[in-house]
Amino acid sequence: MTNKDLNSKERAIMIAFRMLFGEKINVKDTAEAYGVSKRTILRDISAIRHVLADKDLANERFKLEYNENHNNYNISDSGVLTVEEASLI
C-alpha cells in the first residue's frame, strides 16, 4: 500500500504519528506525498488538532503547533505526567 492508497482516516492517523515521532509536516510536501490537495491536508491537521484538544484523550500533554518561519506543523509533548499517569508509576 502506498501513501496515495490511504483513505482520509488512515492518512490523518499517519500524519499524526509522523508528528508524534518528531517529524515536522509541511502542507505542500505532505499533499504531494499523499496525492491530495493542500486543503485536504489542512482538514486532516484540523481533525488532529480537534482530537488533541479533547482533554480525555490527550490530557493536554500534546499540542499541535504551527511554525510560521518554517511553514510546518509539529506536535509538542509537554512531558508532564497527569496525576493519573504519575499514580501508575
N, C-alpha and C. Protein backbone atom coordinates (compact mmCIF):
# COMPACT_ATOMS: atom_id res chain seq x y z
N MET A 1 0.84 -1.18 0.00
CA MET A 1 0.00 0.00 0.00
C MET A 1 0.89 1.24 0.00
N THR A 2 0.57 2.18 -0.87
CA THR A 2 1.33 3.43 -0.93
C THR A 2 0.57 4.53 -0.21
N ASN A 3 1.23 5.66 -0.02
CA ASN A 3 0.58 6.81 0.62
C ASN A 3 -0.69 7.21 -0.10
N LYS A 4 -0.68 7.08 -1.43
CA LYS A 4 -1.82 7.51 -2.23
C LYS A 4 -3.01 6.56 -2.11
N ASP A 5 -2.81 5.38 -1.54
CA ASP A 5 -3.88 4.40 -1.38
C ASP A 5 -4.63 4.55 -0.05
N LEU A 6 -4.18 5.43 0.81
CA LEU A 6 -4.79 5.58 2.14
C LEU A 6 -6.10 6.36 2.07
N ASN A 7 -7.07 5.97 2.90
CA ASN A 7 -8.28 6.78 2.99
C ASN A 7 -8.03 7.94 3.95
N SER A 8 -9.00 8.81 4.11
CA SER A 8 -8.78 10.04 4.89
C SER A 8 -8.43 9.77 6.35
N LYS A 9 -9.07 8.80 6.97
CA LYS A 9 -8.77 8.49 8.37
C LYS A 9 -7.37 7.90 8.51
N GLU A 10 -7.02 7.00 7.61
CA GLU A 10 -5.68 6.40 7.66
C GLU A 10 -4.61 7.47 7.45
N ARG A 11 -4.86 8.38 6.50
CA ARG A 11 -3.90 9.44 6.21
C ARG A 11 -3.72 10.35 7.43
N ALA A 12 -4.82 10.75 8.07
CA ALA A 12 -4.73 11.62 9.25
C ALA A 12 -3.98 10.94 10.38
N ILE A 13 -4.22 9.64 10.56
CA ILE A 13 -3.51 8.89 11.60
C ILE A 13 -2.02 8.83 11.28
N MET A 14 -1.69 8.58 10.02
CA MET A 14 -0.27 8.53 9.62
C MET A 14 0.41 9.88 9.86
N ILE A 15 -0.27 10.95 9.50
CA ILE A 15 0.30 12.29 9.71
C ILE A 15 0.48 12.57 11.20
N ALA A 16 -0.51 12.20 12.00
CA ALA A 16 -0.40 12.41 13.46
C ALA A 16 0.77 11.62 14.03
N PHE A 17 0.91 10.36 13.63
CA PHE A 17 2.03 9.56 14.13
C PHE A 17 3.36 10.14 13.70
N ARG A 18 3.44 10.61 12.46
CA ARG A 18 4.70 11.22 12.00
C ARG A 18 5.07 12.40 12.89
N MET A 19 4.07 13.23 13.23
CA MET A 19 4.35 14.38 14.10
C MET A 19 4.66 13.94 15.53
N LEU A 20 3.97 12.92 16.03
CA LEU A 20 4.24 12.42 17.38
C LEU A 20 5.66 11.89 17.51
N PHE A 21 6.20 11.37 16.40
CA PHE A 21 7.56 10.86 16.41
C PHE A 21 8.58 11.93 16.04
N GLY A 22 8.14 13.21 16.06
CA GLY A 22 9.08 14.31 15.91
C GLY A 22 9.20 14.93 14.54
N GLU A 23 8.50 14.39 13.56
CA GLU A 23 8.61 14.95 12.21
C GLU A 23 7.82 16.25 12.11
N LYS A 24 8.36 17.19 11.37
CA LYS A 24 7.67 18.44 11.10
C LYS A 24 6.99 18.29 9.74
N ILE A 25 5.71 18.65 9.67
CA ILE A 25 4.90 18.42 8.48
C ILE A 25 4.70 19.72 7.70
N ASN A 26 5.16 19.73 6.46
CA ASN A 26 4.94 20.83 5.54
C ASN A 26 3.72 20.46 4.70
N VAL A 27 2.73 21.35 4.65
CA VAL A 27 1.46 21.04 3.99
C VAL A 27 1.66 20.71 2.51
N LYS A 28 2.42 21.53 1.80
CA LYS A 28 2.62 21.32 0.36
C LYS A 28 3.30 19.98 0.09
N ASP A 29 4.39 19.71 0.79
CA ASP A 29 5.12 18.46 0.59
C ASP A 29 4.28 17.24 0.97
N THR A 30 3.53 17.37 2.05
CA THR A 30 2.69 16.26 2.51
C THR A 30 1.56 16.00 1.52
N ALA A 31 0.97 17.06 0.99
CA ALA A 31 -0.09 16.90 -0.01
C ALA A 31 0.44 16.17 -1.24
N GLU A 32 1.62 16.53 -1.68
CA GLU A 32 2.22 15.86 -2.84
C GLU A 32 2.51 14.40 -2.53
N ALA A 33 3.01 14.12 -1.34
CA ALA A 33 3.35 12.74 -0.97
C ALA A 33 2.12 11.84 -0.92
N TYR A 34 0.99 12.40 -0.50
CA TYR A 34 -0.24 11.60 -0.38
C TYR A 34 -1.14 11.73 -1.61
N GLY A 35 -0.76 12.56 -2.57
CA GLY A 35 -1.55 12.71 -3.78
C GLY A 35 -2.89 13.38 -3.55
N VAL A 36 -2.92 14.34 -2.64
CA VAL A 36 -4.15 15.07 -2.33
C VAL A 36 -3.86 16.57 -2.36
N SER A 37 -4.89 17.37 -2.18
CA SER A 37 -4.71 18.82 -2.19
C SER A 37 -4.17 19.32 -0.85
N LYS A 38 -3.64 20.54 -0.88
CA LYS A 38 -3.18 21.15 0.37
C LYS A 38 -4.37 21.35 1.32
N ARG A 39 -5.53 21.68 0.77
CA ARG A 39 -6.73 21.86 1.59
C ARG A 39 -7.08 20.57 2.32
N THR A 40 -6.91 19.43 1.67
CA THR A 40 -7.19 18.14 2.30
C THR A 40 -6.26 17.92 3.49
N ILE A 41 -4.99 18.24 3.33
CA ILE A 41 -4.03 18.09 4.44
C ILE A 41 -4.39 19.04 5.57
N LEU A 42 -4.81 20.26 5.24
CA LEU A 42 -5.23 21.20 6.28
C LEU A 42 -6.45 20.68 7.04
N ARG A 43 -7.37 20.00 6.35
CA ARG A 43 -8.51 19.38 7.04
C ARG A 43 -8.03 18.26 7.96
N ASP A 44 -7.07 17.47 7.50
CA ASP A 44 -6.50 16.41 8.34
C ASP A 44 -5.87 17.01 9.60
N ILE A 45 -5.12 18.08 9.43
CA ILE A 45 -4.47 18.74 10.56
C ILE A 45 -5.52 19.31 11.52
N SER A 46 -6.59 19.84 10.98
CA SER A 46 -7.68 20.35 11.81
C SER A 46 -8.30 19.22 12.64
N ALA A 47 -8.48 18.06 12.02
CA ALA A 47 -9.03 16.91 12.75
C ALA A 47 -8.08 16.46 13.85
N ILE A 48 -6.78 16.47 13.57
CA ILE A 48 -5.78 16.10 14.57
C ILE A 48 -5.82 17.10 15.73
N ARG A 49 -5.92 18.38 15.40
CA ARG A 49 -6.00 19.43 16.43
C ARG A 49 -7.22 19.20 17.32
N HIS A 50 -8.34 18.83 16.71
CA HIS A 50 -9.58 18.58 17.45
C HIS A 50 -9.40 17.41 18.43
N VAL A 51 -8.76 16.34 17.99
CA VAL A 51 -8.53 15.18 18.86
C VAL A 51 -7.60 15.56 20.01
N LEU A 52 -6.54 16.30 19.71
CA LEU A 52 -5.60 16.70 20.76
C LEU A 52 -6.23 17.65 21.77
N ALA A 53 -7.26 18.38 21.35
CA ALA A 53 -7.94 19.30 22.26
C ALA A 53 -8.88 18.58 23.21
N ASP A 54 -9.19 17.31 22.92
CA ASP A 54 -10.07 16.52 23.78
C ASP A 54 -9.29 16.14 25.04
N LYS A 55 -9.63 16.73 26.16
CA LYS A 55 -8.89 16.52 27.41
C LYS A 55 -8.88 15.06 27.85
N ASP A 56 -9.94 14.32 27.52
CA ASP A 56 -9.99 12.91 27.90
C ASP A 56 -9.01 12.06 27.10
N LEU A 57 -8.69 12.50 25.89
CA LEU A 57 -7.79 11.72 25.04
C LEU A 57 -6.33 12.12 25.19
N ALA A 58 -6.07 13.40 25.20
CA ALA A 58 -4.68 13.87 25.18
C ALA A 58 -4.21 14.45 26.51
N ASN A 59 -5.11 14.64 27.45
CA ASN A 59 -4.75 15.16 28.78
C ASN A 59 -3.93 16.44 28.72
N GLU A 60 -4.12 17.22 27.68
CA GLU A 60 -3.40 18.49 27.50
C GLU A 60 -1.88 18.31 27.44
N ARG A 61 -1.42 17.10 27.26
CA ARG A 61 0.02 16.84 27.21
C ARG A 61 0.60 17.19 25.84
N PHE A 62 -0.17 16.94 24.80
CA PHE A 62 0.30 17.17 23.43
C PHE A 62 -0.35 18.42 22.85
N LYS A 63 0.43 19.15 22.06
CA LYS A 63 -0.07 20.38 21.46
C LYS A 63 0.37 20.45 20.01
N LEU A 64 -0.57 20.74 19.13
CA LEU A 64 -0.26 20.92 17.72
C LEU A 64 0.20 22.36 17.54
N GLU A 65 1.38 22.53 16.94
CA GLU A 65 1.95 23.86 16.77
C GLU A 65 2.25 24.12 15.31
N TYR A 66 2.15 25.39 14.92
CA TYR A 66 2.50 25.81 13.57
C TYR A 66 3.68 26.76 13.66
N ASN A 67 4.71 26.51 12.87
CA ASN A 67 5.89 27.37 12.83
C ASN A 67 5.82 28.19 11.55
N GLU A 68 5.50 29.48 11.69
CA GLU A 68 5.36 30.35 10.52
C GLU A 68 6.67 30.53 9.77
N ASN A 69 7.78 30.58 10.47
CA ASN A 69 9.08 30.78 9.83
C ASN A 69 9.45 29.63 8.90
N HIS A 70 9.10 28.41 9.30
CA HIS A 70 9.44 27.23 8.50
C HIS A 70 8.24 26.65 7.77
N ASN A 71 7.06 27.25 7.98
CA ASN A 71 5.83 26.82 7.31
C ASN A 71 5.56 25.34 7.52
N ASN A 72 5.61 24.90 8.78
CA ASN A 72 5.32 23.50 9.06
C ASN A 72 4.60 23.33 10.40
N TYR A 73 4.04 22.14 10.56
CA TYR A 73 3.32 21.78 11.78
C TYR A 73 4.09 20.69 12.51
N ASN A 74 3.95 20.68 13.83
CA ASN A 74 4.51 19.59 14.63
C ASN A 74 3.66 19.43 15.89
N ILE A 75 3.84 18.30 16.55
CA ILE A 75 3.17 18.07 17.83
C ILE A 75 4.23 18.11 18.91
N SER A 76 4.02 18.99 19.89
CA SER A 76 4.96 19.06 21.00
C SER A 76 4.40 18.26 22.17
N ASP A 77 5.30 17.72 22.95
CA ASP A 77 4.94 16.92 24.12
C ASP A 77 5.44 17.66 25.35
N SER A 78 4.52 18.05 26.22
CA SER A 78 4.93 18.80 27.42
C SER A 78 5.78 17.95 28.35
N GLY A 79 5.65 16.63 28.23
CA GLY A 79 6.42 15.74 29.07
C GLY A 79 5.94 15.68 30.50
N VAL A 80 4.89 16.42 30.80
CA VAL A 80 4.35 16.46 32.15
C VAL A 80 3.31 15.36 32.30
N LEU A 81 3.49 14.53 33.31
CA LEU A 81 2.54 13.46 33.57
C LEU A 81 1.32 14.01 34.29
N THR A 82 0.17 13.46 33.96
CA THR A 82 -1.04 13.80 34.71
C THR A 82 -0.97 13.08 36.05
N VAL A 83 -1.84 13.46 36.96
CA VAL A 83 -1.90 12.81 38.28
C VAL A 83 -2.17 11.32 38.09
N GLU A 84 -3.08 10.99 37.18
CA GLU A 84 -3.41 9.58 36.93
C GLU A 84 -2.20 8.80 36.41
N GLU A 85 -1.46 9.41 35.47
CA GLU A 85 -0.28 8.75 34.93
C GLU A 85 0.79 8.57 36.00
N ALA A 86 1.00 9.60 36.80
CA ALA A 86 2.02 9.53 37.85
C ALA A 86 1.66 8.48 38.89
N SER A 87 0.38 8.31 39.17
CA SER A 87 -0.02 7.33 40.19
C SER A 87 0.21 5.89 39.73
N LEU A 88 0.37 5.69 38.43
CA LEU A 88 0.62 4.35 37.91
C LEU A 88 2.08 3.94 38.03
N ILE A 89 2.94 4.90 38.31
CA ILE A 89 4.38 4.62 38.38
C ILE A 89 4.72 4.01 39.72
